[in-house]
Amino acid sequence: MMFDTPDKRVREDFARAKSALLKGEVAKALHHAEDALRQMLTGKIFGRARFEVEVHLQEFLKDFNRHPDVKSFMAARNVHTTPYVAFKRGGEREVLDFIEHTLEGLEGAQKAAEENAEAERLARKEDLLARAQEALDAKDFPKGKSILRHVVEEFGGEDGILRDVGARMLKAGLFFEAGEVLEQALDHDPRDSKALAFAVQAYKNAREYPKMEKMYKFAIRTFGTHPKTLLHMAEMYLEWRKYDEAYNHAKQAYDADTSLDRAKEIMDVTGKRIFGG
């Protein structure tokens, strides 16, 4: 059984630090090196054990000073003298101070780079949407659809983007294409009621009754059976000339809410066709 001793923990932290360097994870490597150095400063490590952890520290610093990402980081700060950091016996505090300072600068640079990348990504998204809308407004539908396909491919995983694209297509009169994109939006977020309403409208305008029916059934599964949903389905079936279905759904709607006069009208109209009179 191996005891958990300070020198063992230090060796393990330096091993993790070296592994992270090999993967190009410099900040992670420095965090592990920090942990190791703090234990060297506070732990009771003597004799051969002390010598061994100092060897591990020297090996880590050697790898650190040679790492290409470290060289790039230092060059960006106009630091060209190497080694960037060295260890002399008793100098753990100086090495730790250097690592903490370097880590602060490195993480600050990474955060700035991430923020810049995010700003560029958002600018590209807005530019694509603006160009797509300009093409749709000019009735250049092939160009508009092409640009919107790029938006879907690059940004479709973001909340609201698929709904936005579908709504733009719906407004432009691209009903079938809008319905397809809005169905993708519902795959992404099944409780997006606006995307659902747009999808129903798109398929209604396209007279795609089977797809419209699919959307209404999806609404019932997701949000429950509501009298107005049943009424809208009755109106759909009436347009579709499925009079039995129109009557049944209108009756369900009216039984649930007798204030729905339109449901009673559909029952009267379709009832005459079904039952005569």
C-alpha atoms as a PDB file:
ATOM      1  CA  MET A   1       0.000   0.000   0.000  1.00  0.00           C
ATOM      2  CA  MET A   2       1.383   3.391  -1.021  1.00  0.00           C
ATOM      3  CA  PHE A   3       1.089   6.189   1.529  1.00  0.00           C
ATOM      4  CA  ASP A   4      -0.254   9.611   0.522  1.00  0.00           C
ATOM      5  CA  THR A   5       2.756  11.750   1.376  1.00  0.00           C
ATOM      6  CA  PRO A   6       3.573  15.377   0.438  1.00  0.00           C
ATOM      7  CA  ASP A   7       6.353  14.320  -1.951  1.00  0.00           C
ATOM      8  CA  LYS A   8       4.024  11.838  -3.645  1.00  0.00           C
ATOM      9  CA  ARG A   9       1.414  14.551  -4.196  1.00  0.00           C
ATOM     10  CA  VAL A  10       4.067  16.893  -5.596  1.00  0.00           C
ATOM     11  CA  ARG A  11       5.340  14.265  -8.034  1.00  0.00           C
ATOM     12  CA  GLU A  12       1.774  13.548  -9.165  1.00  0.00           C
ATOM     13  CA  ASP A  13       1.039  17.253  -9.713  1.00  0.00           C
ATOM     14  CA  PHE A  14       4.202  17.692 -11.797  1.00  0.00           C
ATOM     15  CA  ALA A  15       3.266  14.582 -13.800  1.00  0.00           C
ATOM     16  CA  ARG A  16      -0.146  16.132 -14.486  1.00  0.00           C
ATOM     17  CA  ALA A  17       1.528  19.412 -15.396  1.00  0.00           C
ATOM     18  CA  LYS A  18       3.845  17.741 -17.905  1.00  0.00           C
ATOM     19  CA  SER A  19       0.940  15.766 -19.398  1.00  0.00           C
ATOM     20  CA  ALA A  20      -1.067  18.960 -19.851  1.00  0.00           C
ATOM     21  CA  LEU A  21       1.886  20.634 -21.581  1.00  0.00           C
ATOM     22  CA  LEU A  22       2.097  17.750 -24.042  1.00  0.00           C
ATOM     23  CA  LYS A  23      -1.570  18.326 -24.886  1.00  0.00           C
ATOM     24  CA  GLY A  24      -0.970  22.052 -25.392  1.00  0.00           C
ATOM     25  CA  GLU A  25      -2.956  22.939 -22.260  1.00  0.00           C
ATOM     26  CA  VAL A  26      -0.495  25.446 -20.853  1.00  0.00           C
ATOM     27  CA  ALA A  27      -2.849  27.104 -18.350  1.00  0.00           C
ATOM     28  CA  LYS A  28      -3.883  23.735 -16.944  1.00  0.00           C
ATOM     29  CA  ALA A  29      -0.208  22.749 -16.690  1.00  0.00           C
ATOM     30  CA  LEU A  30       0.571  25.903 -14.729  1.00  0.00           C
ATOM     31  CA  HIS A  31      -2.293  25.269 -12.313  1.00  0.00           C
ATOM     32  CA  HIS A  32      -0.897  21.810 -11.547  1.00  0.00           C
ATOM     33  CA  ALA A  33       2.601  23.281 -11.163  1.00  0.00           C
ATOM     34  CA  GLU A  34       1.184  25.868  -8.736  1.00  0.00           C
ATOM     35  CA  ASP A  35      -0.280  23.103  -6.601  1.00  0.00           C
ATOM     36  CA  ALA A  36       3.028  21.247  -6.595  1.00  0.00           C
ATOM     37  CA  LEU A  37       5.053  24.326  -5.629  1.00  0.00           C
ATOM     38  CA  ARG A  38       2.709  25.280  -2.801  1.00  0.00           C
ATOM     39  CA  GLN A  39       3.125  21.808  -1.346  1.00  0.00           C
ATOM     40  CA  MET A  40       6.892  22.103  -1.721  1.00  0.00           C
ATOM     41  CA  LEU A  41       6.725  25.340   0.270  1.00  0.00           C
ATOM     42  CA  THR A  42       4.396  24.083   3.017  1.00  0.00           C
ATOM     43  CA  GLY A  43       4.948  20.312   3.105  1.00  0.00           C
ATOM     44  CA  LYS A  44       7.657  18.594   5.090  1.00  0.00           C
ATOM     45  CA  ILE A  45       9.771  17.099   2.313  1.00  0.00           C
ATOM     46  CA  PHE A  46      13.384  16.270   3.199  1.00  0.00           C
ATOM     47  CA  GLY A  47      16.428  14.319   2.054  1.00  0.00           C
ATOM     48  CA  ARG A  48      16.118  12.111  -1.011  1.00  0.00           C
ATOM     49  CA  ALA A  49      12.405  12.899  -1.354  1.00  0.00           C
ATOM     50  CA  ARG A  50      13.277  16.599  -1.578  1.00  0.00           C
ATOM     51  CA  PHE A  51      15.913  15.934  -4.213  1.00  0.00           C
ATOM     52  CA  GLU A  52      13.438  13.897  -6.296  1.00  0.00           C
ATOM     53  CA  VAL A  53      10.702  16.552  -6.315  1.00  0.00           C
ATOM     54  CA  GLU A  54      13.256  19.202  -7.263  1.00  0.00           C
ATOM     55  CA  VAL A  55      14.252  17.013 -10.230  1.00  0.00           C
ATOM     56  CA  HIS A  56      10.575  16.863 -11.255  1.00  0.00           C
ATOM     57  CA  LEU A  57      10.359  20.655 -10.970  1.00  0.00           C
ATOM     58  CA  GLN A  58      13.481  21.099 -13.132  1.00  0.00           C
ATOM     59  CA  GLU A  59      12.057  18.726 -15.770  1.00  0.00           C
ATOM     60  CA  PHE A  60       8.756  20.587 -15.868  1.00  0.00           C
ATOM     61  CA  LEU A  61      10.479  23.976 -16.210  1.00  0.00           C
ATOM     62  CA  LYS A  62      12.663  22.622 -18.998  1.00  0.00           C
ATOM     63  CA  ASP A  63       9.556  21.506 -20.924  1.00  0.00           C
ATOM     64  CA  PHE A  64       7.775  24.762 -20.116  1.00  0.00           C
ATOM     65  CA  ASN A  65      10.601  26.969 -21.387  1.00  0.00           C
ATOM     66  CA  ARG A  66      10.742  25.034 -24.658  1.00  0.00           C
ATOM     67  CA  HIS A  67       7.003  24.871 -25.315  1.00  0.00           C
ATOM     68  CA  PRO A  68       6.021  26.661 -28.566  1.00  0.00           C
ATOM     69  CA  ASP A  69       2.850  28.149 -27.055  1.00  0.00           C
ATOM     70  CA  VAL A  70       4.882  29.560 -24.167  1.00  0.00           C
ATOM     71  CA  LYS A  71       7.395  31.035 -26.631  1.00  0.00           C
ATOM     72  CA  SER A  72       4.566  32.688 -28.586  1.00  0.00           C
ATOM     73  CA  PHE A  73       3.026  34.072 -25.396  1.00  0.00           C
ATOM     74  CA  MET A  74       6.359  35.487 -24.220  1.00  0.00           C
ATOM     75  CA  ALA A  75       7.249  36.914 -27.642  1.00  0.00           C
ATOM     76  CA  ALA A  76       3.914  38.756 -27.704  1.00  0.00           C
ATOM     77  CA  ARG A  77       5.046  40.439 -24.489  1.00  0.00           C
ATOM     78  CA  ASN A  78       8.468  41.237 -25.933  1.00  0.00           C
ATOM     79  CA  VAL A  79      10.191  38.679 -23.707  1.00  0.00           C
ATOM     80  CA  HIS A  80      12.889  36.899 -25.703  1.00  0.00           C
ATOM     81  CA  THR A  81      15.523  35.937 -23.106  1.00  0.00           C
ATOM     82  CA  THR A  82      15.481  32.258 -22.221  1.00  0.00           C
ATOM     83  CA  PRO A  83      15.047  30.347 -20.075  1.00  0.00           C
ATOM     84  CA  TYR A  84      12.017  32.326 -18.977  1.00  0.00           C
ATOM     85  CA  VAL A  85      12.183  30.805 -15.523  1.00  0.00           C
ATOM     86  CA  ALA A  86      14.830  28.761 -13.718  1.00  0.00           C
ATOM     87  CA  PHE A  87      14.994  27.073 -10.328  1.00  0.00           C
ATOM     88  CA  LYS A  88      17.742  27.303  -7.775  1.00  0.00           C
ATOM     89  CA  ARG A  89      17.578  25.412  -4.511  1.00  0.00           C
ATOM     90  CA  GLY A  90      15.436  27.353  -2.064  1.00  0.00           C
ATOM     91  CA  GLY A  91      13.879  29.376  -4.884  1.00  0.00           C
ATOM     92  CA  GLU A  92      10.427  27.787  -4.921  1.00  0.00           C
ATOM     93  CA  ARG A  93       8.762  31.073  -3.988  1.00  0.00           C
ATOM     94  CA  GLU A  94      10.350  32.909  -6.934  1.00  0.00           C
ATOM     95  CA  VAL A  95       9.227  30.171  -9.347  1.00  0.00           C
ATOM     96  CA  LEU A  96       5.709  30.189  -7.873  1.00  0.00           C
ATOM     97  CA  ASP A  97       5.499  33.987  -8.215  1.00  0.00           C
ATOM     98  CA  PHE A  98       6.580  33.718 -11.859  1.00  0.00           C
ATOM     99  CA  ILE A  99       4.017  30.998 -12.582  1.00  0.00           C
ATOM    100  CA  GLU A 100       1.193  32.920 -10.901  1.00  0.00           C
ATOM    101  CA  HIS A 101       2.060  36.074 -12.849  1.00  0.00           C
ATOM    102  CA  THR A 102       2.347  34.140 -16.113  1.00  0.00           C
ATOM    103  CA  LEU A 103      -0.907  32.294 -15.478  1.00  0.00           C
ATOM    104  CA  GLU A 104      -2.739  35.562 -14.849  1.00  0.00           C
ATOM    105  CA  GLY A 105      -1.456  36.985 -18.137  1.00  0.00           C
ATOM    106  CA  LEU A 106      -2.119  33.770 -20.046  1.00  0.00           C
ATOM    107  CA  GLU A 107      -5.704  33.408 -18.836  1.00  0.00           C
ATOM    108  CA  GLY A 108      -6.319  37.095 -19.493  1.00  0.00           C
ATOM    109  CA  ALA A 109      -5.069  36.665 -23.062  1.00  0.00           C
ATOM    110  CA  GLN A 110      -7.200  33.551 -23.534  1.00  0.00           C
ATOM    111  CA  LYS A 111     -10.291  35.362 -22.259  1.00  0.00           C
ATOM    112  CA  ALA A 112      -9.629  38.312 -24.579  1.00  0.00           C
ATOM    113  CA  ALA A 113      -9.131  35.941 -27.521  1.00  0.00           C
ATOM    114  CA  GLU A 114     -12.379  34.146 -26.723  1.00  0.00           C
ATOM    115  CA  GLU A 115     -14.249  37.443 -26.448  1.00  0.00           C
ATOM    116  CA  ASN A 116     -12.814  38.620 -29.772  1.00  0.00           C
ATOM    117  CA  ALA A 117     -13.752  35.329 -31.430  1.00  0.00           C
ATOM    118  CA  GLU A 118     -17.283  35.596 -30.023  1.00  0.00           C
ATOM    119  CA  ALA A 119     -17.606  39.188 -31.233  1.00  0.00           C
ATOM    120  CA  GLU A 120     -16.448  38.159 -34.713  1.00  0.00           C
ATOM    121  CA  ARG A 121     -18.871  35.234 -34.716  1.00  0.00           C
ATOM    122  CA  LEU A 122     -21.809  37.445 -33.724  1.00  0.00           C
ATOM    123  CA  ALA A 123     -20.834  40.026 -36.350  1.00  0.00           C
ATOM    124  CA  ARG A 124     -20.743  37.316 -39.016  1.00  0.00           C
ATOM    125  CA  LYS A 125     -24.166  36.027 -37.966  1.00  0.00           C
ATOM    126  CA  GLU A 126     -25.705  39.495 -38.091  1.00  0.00           C
ATOM    127  CA  ASP A 127     -24.062  40.171 -41.465  1.00  0.00           C
ATOM    128  CA  LEU A 128     -25.425  36.926 -42.939  1.00  0.00           C
ATOM    129  CA  LEU A 129     -28.933  37.622 -41.631  1.00  0.00           C
ATOM    130  CA  ALA A 130     -28.851  41.185 -42.966  1.00  0.00           C
ATOM    131  CA  ARG A 131     -27.670  40.026 -46.411  1.00  0.00           C
ATOM    132  CA  ALA A 132     -30.283  37.275 -46.474  1.00  0.00           C
ATOM    133  CA  GLN A 133     -33.053  39.708 -45.566  1.00  0.00           C
ATOM    134  CA  GLU A 134     -31.878  42.147 -48.219  1.00  0.00           C
ATOM    135  CA  ALA A 135     -32.058  39.376 -50.835  1.00  0.00           C
ATOM    136  CA  LEU A 136     -35.520  38.256 -49.673  1.00  0.00           C
ATOM    137  CA  ASP A 137     -36.801  41.843 -49.735  1.00  0.00           C
ATOM    138  CA  ALA A 138     -35.490  42.154 -53.300  1.00  0.00           C
ATOM    139  CA  LYS A 139     -37.315  38.895 -54.240  1.00  0.00           C
ATOM    140  CA  ASP A 140     -33.974  37.250 -54.955  1.00  0.00           C
ATOM    141  CA  PHE A 141     -35.140  34.049 -53.283  1.00  0.00           C
ATOM    142  CA  PRO A 142     -32.357  31.692 -54.461  1.00  0.00           C
ATOM    143  CA  LYS A 143     -29.717  34.004 -52.963  1.00  0.00           C
ATOM    144  CA  GLY A 144     -31.728  34.580 -49.802  1.00  0.00           C
ATOM    145  CA  LYS A 145     -32.283  30.857 -49.257  1.00  0.00           C
ATOM    146  CA  SER A 146     -28.615  30.108 -49.906  1.00  0.00           C
ATOM    147  CA  ILE A 147     -27.454  32.610 -47.294  1.00  0.00           C
ATOM    148  CA  LEU A 148     -30.006  31.381 -44.765  1.00  0.00           C
ATOM    149  CA  ARG A 149     -28.776  27.814 -45.289  1.00  0.00           C
ATOM    150  CA  HIS A 150     -25.321  29.041 -44.207  1.00  0.00           C
ATOM    151  CA  VAL A 151     -26.898  30.620 -41.129  1.00  0.00           C
ATOM    152  CA  VAL A 152     -28.581  27.324 -40.238  1.00  0.00           C
ATOM    153  CA  GLU A 153     -25.372  25.336 -40.782  1.00  0.00           C
ATOM    154  CA  GLU A 154     -23.194  27.667 -38.682  1.00  0.00           C
ATOM    155  CA  PHE A 155     -25.575  28.930 -36.016  1.00  0.00           C
ATOM    156  CA  GLY A 156     -28.550  26.551 -36.010  1.00  0.00           C
ATOM    157  CA  GLY A 157     -27.644  25.209 -32.586  1.00  0.00           C
ATOM    158  CA  GLU A 158     -28.235  28.594 -30.949  1.00  0.00           C
ATOM    159  CA  ASP A 159     -31.536  29.284 -29.217  1.00  0.00           C
ATOM    160  CA  GLY A 160     -33.993  31.091 -31.462  1.00  0.00           C
ATOM    161  CA  ILE A 161     -31.936  31.067 -34.666  1.00  0.00           C
ATOM    162  CA  LEU A 162     -33.938  28.384 -36.481  1.00  0.00           C
ATOM    163  CA  ARG A 163     -37.168  30.125 -35.480  1.00  0.00           C
ATOM    164  CA  ASP A 164     -35.762  33.443 -36.754  1.00  0.00           C
ATOM    165  CA  VAL A 165     -34.758  31.915 -40.105  1.00  0.00           C
ATOM    166  CA  GLY A 166     -38.111  30.165 -40.454  1.00  0.00           C
ATOM    167  CA  ALA A 167     -40.012  33.360 -39.666  1.00  0.00           C
ATOM    168  CA  ARG A 168     -38.049  35.270 -42.305  1.00  0.00           C
ATOM    169  CA  MET A 169     -38.862  32.592 -44.886  1.00  0.00           C
ATOM    170  CA  LEU A 170     -42.527  32.599 -43.873  1.00  0.00           C
ATOM    171  CA  LYS A 171     -42.750  36.383 -44.247  1.00  0.00           C
ATOM    172  CA  ALA A 172     -41.097  36.133 -47.676  1.00  0.00           C
ATOM    173  CA  GLY A 173     -43.679  33.600 -48.842  1.00  0.00           C
ATOM    174  CA  LEU A 174     -41.309  30.619 -48.854  1.00  0.00           C
ATOM    175  CA  PHE A 175     -43.879  28.555 -47.026  1.00  0.00           C
ATOM    176  CA  PHE A 176     -42.649  25.003 -47.528  1.00  0.00           C
ATOM    177  CA  GLU A 177     -39.019  25.912 -46.789  1.00  0.00           C
ATOM    178  CA  ALA A 178     -40.136  27.849 -43.714  1.00  0.00           C
ATOM    179  CA  GLY A 179     -42.058  24.856 -42.418  1.00  0.00           C
ATOM    180  CA  GLU A 180     -39.045  22.578 -42.757  1.00  0.00           C
ATOM    181  CA  VAL A 181     -36.756  24.968 -40.851  1.00  0.00           C
ATOM    182  CA  LEU A 182     -39.385  25.545 -38.160  1.00  0.00           C
ATOM    183  CA  GLU A 183     -39.719  21.799 -37.674  1.00  0.00           C
ATOM    184  CA  GLN A 184     -35.957  21.749 -37.055  1.00  0.00           C
ATOM    185  CA  ALA A 185     -36.518  24.496 -34.484  1.00  0.00           C
ATOM    186  CA  LEU A 186     -39.035  22.265 -32.720  1.00  0.00           C
ATOM    187  CA  ASP A 187     -36.582  19.377 -32.753  1.00  0.00           C
ATOM    188  CA  HIS A 188     -34.149  21.730 -30.990  1.00  0.00           C
ATOM    189  CA  ASP A 189     -36.757  23.045 -28.526  1.00  0.00           C
ATOM    190  CA  PRO A 190     -40.092  21.170 -28.518  1.00  0.00           C
ATOM    191  CA  ARG A 191     -41.703  23.814 -26.296  1.00  0.00           C
ATOM    192  CA  ASP A 192     -40.989  26.730 -28.635  1.00  0.00           C
ATOM    193  CA  SER A 193     -44.617  27.782 -29.052  1.00  0.00           C
ATOM    194  CA  LYS A 194     -43.747  30.610 -31.473  1.00  0.00           C
ATOM    195  CA  ALA A 195     -41.907  28.218 -33.800  1.00  0.00           C
ATOM    196  CA  LEU A 196     -44.898  25.880 -33.637  1.00  0.00           C
ATOM    197  CA  ALA A 197     -47.346  28.663 -34.510  1.00  0.00           C
ATOM    198  CA  PHE A 198     -45.135  29.781 -37.413  1.00  0.00           C
ATOM    199  CA  ALA A 199     -44.847  26.178 -38.667  1.00  0.00           C
ATOM    200  CA  VAL A 200     -48.627  25.755 -38.637  1.00  0.00           C
ATOM    201  CA  GLN A 201     -49.041  29.041 -40.523  1.00  0.00           C
ATOM    202  CA  ALA A 202     -46.382  28.079 -43.067  1.00  0.00           C
ATOM    203  CA  TYR A 203     -48.019  24.746 -43.865  1.00  0.00           C
ATOM    204  CA  LYS A 204     -51.474  26.350 -43.871  1.00  0.00           C
ATOM    205  CA  ASN A 205     -50.330  28.903 -46.456  1.00  0.00           C
ATOM    206  CA  ALA A 206     -48.710  26.106 -48.480  1.00  0.00           C
ATOM    207  CA  ARG A 207     -51.903  24.003 -48.164  1.00  0.00           C
ATOM    208  CA  GLU A 208     -49.733  21.174 -46.843  1.00  0.00           C
ATOM    209  CA  TYR A 209     -52.532  19.653 -44.808  1.00  0.00           C
ATOM    210  CA  PRO A 210     -50.745  16.424 -43.752  1.00  0.00           C
ATOM    211  CA  LYS A 211     -47.852  18.462 -42.359  1.00  0.00           C
ATOM    212  CA  MET A 212     -50.234  20.934 -40.772  1.00  0.00           C
ATOM    213  CA  GLU A 213     -52.058  18.033 -39.127  1.00  0.00           C
ATOM    214  CA  LYS A 214     -48.713  16.703 -37.872  1.00  0.00           C
ATOM    215  CA  MET A 215     -47.974  20.071 -36.235  1.00  0.00           C
ATOM    216  CA  TYR A 216     -51.362  20.205 -34.494  1.00  0.00           C
ATOM    217  CA  LYS A 217     -50.928  16.674 -33.155  1.00  0.00           C
ATOM    218  CA  PHE A 218     -47.458  17.666 -31.973  1.00  0.00           C
ATOM    219  CA  ALA A 219     -49.027  20.652 -30.183  1.00  0.00           C
ATOM    220  CA  ILE A 220     -51.507  18.400 -28.376  1.00  0.00           C
ATOM    221  CA  ARG A 221     -48.770  15.962 -27.327  1.00  0.00           C
ATOM    222  CA  THR A 222     -46.566  18.794 -26.104  1.00  0.00           C
ATOM    223  CA  PHE A 223     -48.986  21.324 -24.621  1.00  0.00           C
ATOM    224  CA  GLY A 224     -52.124  19.267 -24.038  1.00  0.00           C
ATOM    225  CA  THR A 225     -55.597  19.293 -25.604  1.00  0.00           C
ATOM    226  CA  HIS A 226     -56.923  22.840 -25.729  1.00  0.00           C
ATOM    227  CA  PRO A 227     -60.369  23.722 -27.134  1.00  0.00           C
ATOM    228  CA  LYS A 228     -58.940  26.324 -29.501  1.00  0.00           C
ATOM    229  CA  THR A 229     -56.408  23.837 -30.853  1.00  0.00           C
ATOM    230  CA  LEU A 230     -59.275  21.435 -31.550  1.00  0.00           C
ATOM    231  CA  LEU A 231     -61.176  24.282 -33.249  1.00  0.00           C
ATOM    232  CA  HIS A 232     -58.190  25.102 -35.463  1.00  0.00           C
ATOM    233  CA  MET A 233     -57.920  21.429 -36.381  1.00  0.00           C
ATOM    234  CA  ALA A 234     -61.625  21.384 -37.238  1.00  0.00           C
ATOM    235  CA  GLU A 235     -61.106  24.381 -39.541  1.00  0.00           C
ATOM    236  CA  MET A 236     -58.157  22.604 -41.155  1.00  0.00           C
ATOM    237  CA  TYR A 237     -60.151  19.428 -41.755  1.00  0.00           C
ATOM    238  CA  LEU A 238     -63.004  21.505 -43.198  1.00  0.00           C
ATOM    239  CA  GLU A 239     -60.624  23.091 -45.736  1.00  0.00           C
ATOM    240  CA  TRP A 240     -59.164  19.629 -46.387  1.00  0.00           C
ATOM    241  CA  ARG A 241     -62.697  18.328 -46.974  1.00  0.00           C
ATOM    242  CA  LYS A 242     -62.334  15.694 -44.282  1.00  0.00           C
ATOM    243  CA  TYR A 243     -65.797  16.389 -42.964  1.00  0.00           C
ATOM    244  CA  ASP A 244     -65.991  13.572 -40.414  1.00  0.00           C
ATOM    245  CA  GLU A 245     -62.784  14.766 -38.781  1.00  0.00           C
ATOM    246  CA  ALA A 246     -63.927  18.375 -38.977  1.00  0.00           C
ATOM    247  CA  TYR A 247     -67.190  17.507 -37.219  1.00  0.00           C
ATOM    248  CA  ASN A 248     -65.526  15.382 -34.520  1.00  0.00           C
ATOM    249  CA  HIS A 249     -62.915  18.002 -33.655  1.00  0.00           C
ATOM    250  CA  ALA A 250     -65.448  20.839 -33.722  1.00  0.00           C
ATOM    251  CA  LYS A 251     -67.694  18.855 -31.357  1.00  0.00           C
ATOM    252  CA  GLN A 252     -64.802  18.188 -28.970  1.00  0.00           C
ATOM    253  CA  ALA A 253     -63.946  21.884 -29.018  1.00  0.00           C
ATOM    254  CA  TYR A 254     -67.552  22.974 -28.427  1.00  0.00           C
ATOM    255  CA  ASP A 255     -68.131  20.414 -25.678  1.00  0.00           C
ATOM    256  CA  ALA A 256     -65.050  21.781 -23.896  1.00  0.00           C
ATOM    257  CA  ASP A 257     -65.950  25.456 -24.458  1.00  0.00           C
ATOM    258  CA  THR A 258     -69.486  26.395 -25.508  1.00  0.00           C
ATOM    259  CA  SER A 259     -68.402  29.984 -26.186  1.00  0.00           C
ATOM    260  CA  LEU A 260     -66.678  28.823 -29.379  1.00  0.00           C
ATOM    261  CA  ASP A 261     -69.396  29.776 -31.849  1.00  0.00           C
ATOM    262  CA  ARG A 262     -67.168  28.915 -34.804  1.00  0.00           C
ATOM    263  CA  ALA A 263     -67.007  25.292 -33.576  1.00  0.00           C
ATOM    264  CA  LYS A 264     -70.841  25.181 -33.547  1.00  0.00           C
ATOM    265  CA  GLU A 265     -70.909  26.586 -37.091  1.00  0.00           C
ATOM    266  CA  ILE A 266     -68.537  23.865 -38.327  1.00  0.00           C
ATOM    267  CA  MET A 267     -70.642  21.205 -36.594  1.00  0.00           C
ATOM    268  CA  ASP A 268     -73.757  22.522 -38.341  1.00  0.00           C
ATOM    269  CA  VAL A 269     -72.105  22.684 -41.779  1.00  0.00           C
ATOM    270  CA  THR A 270     -70.394  19.310 -41.617  1.00  0.00           C
ATOM    271  CA  GLY A 271     -73.291  17.665 -39.794  1.00  0.00           C
ATOM    272  CA  LYS A 272     -75.533  18.356 -42.778  1.00  0.00           C
ATOM    273  CA  ARG A 273     -73.018  16.648 -45.062  1.00  0.00           C
ATOM    274  CA  ILE A 274     -72.578  13.668 -42.792  1.00  0.00           C
ATOM    275  CA  PHE A 275     -76.080  13.143 -41.419  1.00  0.00           C
ATOM    276  CA  GLY A 276     -78.123  14.869 -44.119  1.00  0.00           C
ATOM    277  CA  GLY A 277     -80.867  17.379 -43.560  1.00  0.00           C
END
